[in-house]
């Protein structure tokens, strides 16, 4: 396993992110994104789970199920077609690594079965950055929540936005982010 520049620590925030191998699309449909959101909730527990035991339940129903002993706190998230961002605080020792392993494995198994493929889906190891200062915390929350602007305004990161009101409306309506 690769060494991290800043090791994960209980009660500390980390910006964790990962993308598909070869920058491939990892969320090909709304069902894929919904499944990832469900797994984001279900993977955050010390208790093992099998998503298949929950049959065809909707995301809202799944996230209302009780959990025991969560591994992390999720401060923000965003799914993009070929990657995702998570702002996580480790609650239990080793919680971030365990959570990311459960999440990545469960989603890859779902995706590989659905699209009849084998092998890794995400680059390993996942990337992370320690969020040690309030200023960076504010920046990373903004960055995660504004990431979908790329879908609507591809050059927004260079400061080019044709219609800011439209982008703001689209960000608020984007289902696969914690912004709303």
C-alpha atoms as a PDB file:
ATOM      1  CA  UNK A   1       0.000   0.000   0.000  1.00  0.00           C
ATOM      2  CA  UNK A   2       1.299   3.459  -0.869  1.00  0.00           C
ATOM      3  CA  UNK A   3       2.375   5.753   1.957  1.00  0.00           C
ATOM      4  CA  UNK A   4       0.385   8.930   2.389  1.00  0.00           C
ATOM      5  CA  UNK A   5       2.171  12.243   2.815  1.00  0.00           C
ATOM      6  CA  UNK A   6      -0.159  13.026   5.728  1.00  0.00           C
ATOM      7  CA  UNK A   7      -1.510   9.897   7.421  1.00  0.00           C
ATOM      8  CA  UNK A   8      -5.216   9.781   8.214  1.00  0.00           C
ATOM      9  CA  UNK A   9      -6.059  10.798  11.771  1.00  0.00           C
ATOM     10  CA  UNK A  10      -9.206  10.560  13.863  1.00  0.00           C
ATOM     11  CA  UNK A  11     -11.117  13.875  14.042  1.00  0.00           C
ATOM     12  CA  UNK A  12      -9.282  15.333  11.031  1.00  0.00           C
ATOM     13  CA  UNK A  13     -10.840  16.245   7.665  1.00  0.00           C
ATOM     14  CA  UNK A  14      -9.511  14.957   4.335  1.00  0.00           C
ATOM     15  CA  UNK A  15     -10.447  15.712   0.736  1.00  0.00           C
ATOM     16  CA  UNK A  16     -10.574  12.254  -0.874  1.00  0.00           C
ATOM     17  CA  UNK A  17     -11.065  11.799  -4.581  1.00  0.00           C
ATOM     18  CA  UNK A  18     -10.677   9.237  -7.300  1.00  0.00           C
ATOM     19  CA  UNK A  19     -11.222   8.855 -11.014  1.00  0.00           C
ATOM     20  CA  UNK A  20     -11.844   6.029 -13.387  1.00  0.00           C
ATOM     21  CA  UNK A  21      -8.919   4.132 -14.819  1.00  0.00           C
ATOM     22  CA  UNK A  22      -7.802   5.794 -18.060  1.00  0.00           C
ATOM     23  CA  UNK A  23     -10.177   8.661 -17.148  1.00  0.00           C
ATOM     24  CA  UNK A  24     -13.047   6.416 -18.204  1.00  0.00           C
ATOM     25  CA  UNK A  25     -16.671   7.280 -17.468  1.00  0.00           C
ATOM     26  CA  UNK A  26     -17.638   5.559 -14.203  1.00  0.00           C
ATOM     27  CA  UNK A  27     -21.174   6.945 -13.894  1.00  0.00           C
ATOM     28  CA  UNK A  28     -22.737   6.085 -17.252  1.00  0.00           C
ATOM     29  CA  UNK A  29     -26.360   6.479 -16.184  1.00  0.00           C
ATOM     30  CA  UNK A  30     -28.516   8.005 -13.471  1.00  0.00           C
ATOM     31  CA  UNK A  31     -28.919   4.502 -12.025  1.00  0.00           C
ATOM     32  CA  UNK A  32     -25.138   4.281 -11.641  1.00  0.00           C
ATOM     33  CA  UNK A  33     -25.005   7.604  -9.787  1.00  0.00           C
ATOM     34  CA  UNK A  34     -27.947   6.599  -7.582  1.00  0.00           C
ATOM     35  CA  UNK A  35     -26.231   3.312  -6.737  1.00  0.00           C
ATOM     36  CA  UNK A  36     -23.054   5.180  -5.742  1.00  0.00           C
ATOM     37  CA  UNK A  37     -25.068   7.504  -3.469  1.00  0.00           C
ATOM     38  CA  UNK A  38     -26.694   4.476  -1.848  1.00  0.00           C
ATOM     39  CA  UNK A  39     -23.302   2.855  -1.330  1.00  0.00           C
ATOM     40  CA  UNK A  40     -21.924   6.115   0.063  1.00  0.00           C
ATOM     41  CA  UNK A  41     -24.435   5.680   2.882  1.00  0.00           C
ATOM     42  CA  UNK A  42     -24.302   1.886   3.249  1.00  0.00           C
ATOM     43  CA  UNK A  43     -20.482   1.654   3.210  1.00  0.00           C
ATOM     44  CA  UNK A  44     -20.225   4.030   6.159  1.00  0.00           C
ATOM     45  CA  UNK A  45     -20.638   1.422   8.858  1.00  0.00           C
ATOM     46  CA  UNK A  46     -18.572  -1.195  10.643  1.00  0.00           C
ATOM     47  CA  UNK A  47     -21.370  -3.665   9.903  1.00  0.00           C
ATOM     48  CA  UNK A  48     -21.027  -5.635   6.653  1.00  0.00           C
ATOM     49  CA  UNK A  49     -23.837  -5.203   4.138  1.00  0.00           C
ATOM     50  CA  UNK A  50     -25.087  -6.685   0.897  1.00  0.00           C
ATOM     51  CA  UNK A  51     -26.847  -4.144  -1.328  1.00  0.00           C
ATOM     52  CA  UNK A  52     -28.644  -7.012  -3.075  1.00  0.00           C
ATOM     53  CA  UNK A  53     -30.571  -7.662   0.165  1.00  0.00           C
ATOM     54  CA  UNK A  54     -32.292  -4.296  -0.274  1.00  0.00           C
ATOM     55  CA  UNK A  55     -33.919  -5.243  -3.606  1.00  0.00           C
ATOM     56  CA  UNK A  56     -35.281  -2.274  -5.555  1.00  0.00           C
ATOM     57  CA  UNK A  57     -35.420   0.298  -2.761  1.00  0.00           C
ATOM     58  CA  UNK A  58     -35.014   3.952  -3.687  1.00  0.00           C
ATOM     59  CA  UNK A  59     -32.079   6.039  -2.474  1.00  0.00           C
ATOM     60  CA  UNK A  60     -34.257   8.095  -0.103  1.00  0.00           C
ATOM     61  CA  UNK A  61     -35.516   4.896   1.529  1.00  0.00           C
ATOM     62  CA  UNK A  62     -32.018   3.405   1.838  1.00  0.00           C
ATOM     63  CA  UNK A  63     -30.523   6.493   3.484  1.00  0.00           C
ATOM     64  CA  UNK A  64     -33.253   6.365   6.121  1.00  0.00           C
ATOM     65  CA  UNK A  65     -32.145   2.903   7.294  1.00  0.00           C
ATOM     66  CA  UNK A  66     -30.381   2.850  10.671  1.00  0.00           C
ATOM     67  CA  UNK A  67     -26.624   2.182  10.808  1.00  0.00           C
ATOM     68  CA  UNK A  68     -24.315   1.266  13.643  1.00  0.00           C
ATOM     69  CA  UNK A  69     -20.829   2.620  14.283  1.00  0.00           C
ATOM     70  CA  UNK A  70     -20.077   4.872  11.326  1.00  0.00           C
ATOM     71  CA  UNK A  71     -16.511   5.028  10.032  1.00  0.00           C
ATOM     72  CA  UNK A  72     -16.440   8.624   8.752  1.00  0.00           C
ATOM     73  CA  UNK A  73     -18.398  11.858   8.668  1.00  0.00           C
ATOM     74  CA  UNK A  74     -19.190  13.029   5.156  1.00  0.00           C
ATOM     75  CA  UNK A  75     -18.931  16.815   4.945  1.00  0.00           C
ATOM     76  CA  UNK A  76     -19.465  17.180   1.186  1.00  0.00           C
ATOM     77  CA  UNK A  77     -19.561  15.058  -1.940  1.00  0.00           C
ATOM     78  CA  UNK A  78     -19.859  15.383  -5.690  1.00  0.00           C
ATOM     79  CA  UNK A  79     -20.061  12.816  -8.485  1.00  0.00           C
ATOM     80  CA  UNK A  80     -18.811  13.714 -11.933  1.00  0.00           C
ATOM     81  CA  UNK A  81     -19.005  11.451 -14.997  1.00  0.00           C
ATOM     82  CA  UNK A  82     -15.440  10.125 -14.599  1.00  0.00           C
ATOM     83  CA  UNK A  83     -14.560  10.909 -10.961  1.00  0.00           C
ATOM     84  CA  UNK A  84     -15.842  11.790  -7.498  1.00  0.00           C
ATOM     85  CA  UNK A  85     -14.879  14.042  -4.587  1.00  0.00           C
ATOM     86  CA  UNK A  86     -15.557  13.402  -0.896  1.00  0.00           C
ATOM     87  CA  UNK A  87     -14.810  15.528   2.162  1.00  0.00           C
ATOM     88  CA  UNK A  88     -14.371  13.022   4.983  1.00  0.00           C
ATOM     89  CA  UNK A  89     -13.575  13.170   8.687  1.00  0.00           C
ATOM     90  CA  UNK A  90     -12.246   9.973  10.197  1.00  0.00           C
ATOM     91  CA  UNK A  91     -14.328   8.890  13.200  1.00  0.00           C
ATOM     92  CA  UNK A  92     -12.623   5.584  13.999  1.00  0.00           C
ATOM     93  CA  UNK A  93      -8.992   4.604  13.533  1.00  0.00           C
ATOM     94  CA  UNK A  94      -8.578   3.378   9.961  1.00  0.00           C
ATOM     95  CA  UNK A  95     -12.090   4.569   9.113  1.00  0.00           C
ATOM     96  CA  UNK A  96     -11.313   6.450   5.884  1.00  0.00           C
ATOM     97  CA  UNK A  97      -9.338   3.583   4.372  1.00  0.00           C
ATOM     98  CA  UNK A  98     -11.974   1.023   5.352  1.00  0.00           C
ATOM     99  CA  UNK A  99     -14.813   3.224   4.071  1.00  0.00           C
ATOM    100  CA  UNK A 100     -13.107   3.935   0.746  1.00  0.00           C
ATOM    101  CA  UNK A 101     -12.302   0.242   0.295  1.00  0.00           C
ATOM    102  CA  UNK A 102     -15.913  -0.804   0.969  1.00  0.00           C
ATOM    103  CA  UNK A 103     -17.292   1.934  -1.277  1.00  0.00           C
ATOM    104  CA  UNK A 104     -14.897   1.274  -4.161  1.00  0.00           C
ATOM    105  CA  UNK A 105     -15.274  -2.498  -4.024  1.00  0.00           C
ATOM    106  CA  UNK A 106     -19.067  -2.435  -3.817  1.00  0.00           C
ATOM    107  CA  UNK A 107     -19.447   0.048  -6.659  1.00  0.00           C
ATOM    108  CA  UNK A 108     -16.898  -1.724  -8.870  1.00  0.00           C
ATOM    109  CA  UNK A 109     -18.696  -5.049  -8.349  1.00  0.00           C
ATOM    110  CA  UNK A 110     -22.013  -3.430  -9.314  1.00  0.00           C
ATOM    111  CA  UNK A 111     -20.500  -1.671 -12.355  1.00  0.00           C
ATOM    112  CA  UNK A 112     -18.591  -4.731 -13.590  1.00  0.00           C
ATOM    113  CA  UNK A 113     -21.676  -6.920 -13.336  1.00  0.00           C
ATOM    114  CA  UNK A 114     -23.915  -4.374 -15.051  1.00  0.00           C
ATOM    115  CA  UNK A 115     -21.504  -3.637 -17.909  1.00  0.00           C
ATOM    116  CA  UNK A 116     -20.073  -7.174 -18.227  1.00  0.00           C
ATOM    117  CA  UNK A 117     -16.477  -6.209 -17.495  1.00  0.00           C
ATOM    118  CA  UNK A 118     -13.723  -7.321 -15.136  1.00  0.00           C
ATOM    119  CA  UNK A 119     -10.910  -5.611 -13.264  1.00  0.00           C
ATOM    120  CA  UNK A 120     -10.333  -2.355 -11.450  1.00  0.00           C
ATOM    121  CA  UNK A 121     -12.602   0.581 -12.191  1.00  0.00           C
ATOM    122  CA  UNK A 122     -10.827   3.267 -10.160  1.00  0.00           C
ATOM    123  CA  UNK A 123      -7.186   4.342 -10.002  1.00  0.00           C
ATOM    124  CA  UNK A 124      -5.418   2.973  -6.926  1.00  0.00           C
ATOM    125  CA  UNK A 125      -4.671   4.259  -4.420  1.00  0.00           C
ATOM    126  CA  UNK A 126      -7.340   6.928  -4.095  1.00  0.00           C
ATOM    127  CA  UNK A 127      -5.976  10.443  -3.644  1.00  0.00           C
ATOM    128  CA  UNK A 128      -6.336  12.504  -0.480  1.00  0.00           C
ATOM    129  CA  UNK A 129      -5.358  15.858   0.942  1.00  0.00           C
ATOM    130  CA  UNK A 130      -5.398  16.827   4.579  1.00  0.00           C
ATOM    131  CA  UNK A 131      -7.710  19.735   5.346  1.00  0.00           C
ATOM    132  CA  UNK A 132      -5.830  21.241   8.267  1.00  0.00           C
ATOM    133  CA  UNK A 133      -6.889  24.881   8.129  1.00  0.00           C
ATOM    134  CA  UNK A 134     -10.283  26.607   8.113  1.00  0.00           C
ATOM    135  CA  UNK A 135      -9.360  28.550   5.001  1.00  0.00           C
ATOM    136  CA  UNK A 136      -8.616  25.366   3.042  1.00  0.00           C
ATOM    137  CA  UNK A 137     -11.768  23.741   4.468  1.00  0.00           C
ATOM    138  CA  UNK A 138     -13.871  26.577   3.024  1.00  0.00           C
ATOM    139  CA  UNK A 139     -12.035  26.370  -0.296  1.00  0.00           C
ATOM    140  CA  UNK A 140     -12.440  22.592  -0.657  1.00  0.00           C
ATOM    141  CA  UNK A 141     -16.171  22.699   0.124  1.00  0.00           C
ATOM    142  CA  UNK A 142     -16.570  25.412  -2.525  1.00  0.00           C
ATOM    143  CA  UNK A 143     -14.441  23.434  -4.989  1.00  0.00           C
ATOM    144  CA  UNK A 144     -16.386  20.191  -4.472  1.00  0.00           C
ATOM    145  CA  UNK A 145     -19.763  21.890  -4.824  1.00  0.00           C
ATOM    146  CA  UNK A 146     -18.745  23.924  -7.877  1.00  0.00           C
ATOM    147  CA  UNK A 147     -17.186  20.965  -9.694  1.00  0.00           C
ATOM    148  CA  UNK A 148     -20.386  20.208 -11.690  1.00  0.00           C
ATOM    149  CA  UNK A 149     -20.109  23.670 -13.278  1.00  0.00           C
ATOM    150  CA  UNK A 150     -17.648  21.932 -15.591  1.00  0.00           C
ATOM    151  CA  UNK A 151     -20.577  19.998 -17.090  1.00  0.00           C
ATOM    152  CA  UNK A 152     -22.451  23.230 -17.883  1.00  0.00           C
ATOM    153  CA  UNK A 153     -19.534  25.644 -18.474  1.00  0.00           C
ATOM    154  CA  UNK A 154     -16.405  23.622 -19.452  1.00  0.00           C
ATOM    155  CA  UNK A 155     -13.986  26.561 -19.013  1.00  0.00           C
ATOM    156  CA  UNK A 156     -15.350  27.942 -15.725  1.00  0.00           C
ATOM    157  CA  UNK A 157     -12.088  27.136 -13.893  1.00  0.00           C
ATOM    158  CA  UNK A 158     -10.352  29.636 -16.185  1.00  0.00           C
ATOM    159  CA  UNK A 159     -12.881  32.294 -15.199  1.00  0.00           C
ATOM    160  CA  UNK A 160     -15.037  32.075 -18.324  1.00  0.00           C
ATOM    161  CA  UNK A 161     -18.736  31.831 -17.483  1.00  0.00           C
ATOM    162  CA  UNK A 162     -21.320  32.947 -20.028  1.00  0.00           C
ATOM    163  CA  UNK A 163     -24.317  33.024 -17.704  1.00  0.00           C
ATOM    164  CA  UNK A 164     -23.623  32.911 -13.955  1.00  0.00           C
ATOM    165  CA  UNK A 165     -27.318  32.830 -12.978  1.00  0.00           C
ATOM    166  CA  UNK A 166     -27.873  29.767 -15.158  1.00  0.00           C
ATOM    167  CA  UNK A 167     -24.815  28.002 -13.712  1.00  0.00           C
ATOM    168  CA  UNK A 168     -25.959  28.729 -10.156  1.00  0.00           C
ATOM    169  CA  UNK A 169     -29.421  27.356 -10.929  1.00  0.00           C
ATOM    170  CA  UNK A 170     -27.898  24.223 -12.477  1.00  0.00           C
ATOM    171  CA  UNK A 171     -25.576  23.688  -9.499  1.00  0.00           C
ATOM    172  CA  UNK A 172     -28.510  23.905  -7.101  1.00  0.00           C
ATOM    173  CA  UNK A 173     -30.426  21.353  -9.174  1.00  0.00           C
ATOM    174  CA  UNK A 174     -27.493  18.939  -9.624  1.00  0.00           C
ATOM    175  CA  UNK A 175     -28.667  15.721  -7.957  1.00  0.00           C
ATOM    176  CA  UNK A 176     -25.255  14.160  -7.429  1.00  0.00           C
ATOM    177  CA  UNK A 177     -23.749  16.728  -5.095  1.00  0.00           C
ATOM    178  CA  UNK A 178     -24.339  17.619  -1.454  1.00  0.00           C
ATOM    179  CA  UNK A 179     -24.684  21.320  -2.407  1.00  0.00           C
ATOM    180  CA  UNK A 180     -28.480  21.334  -2.461  1.00  0.00           C
END
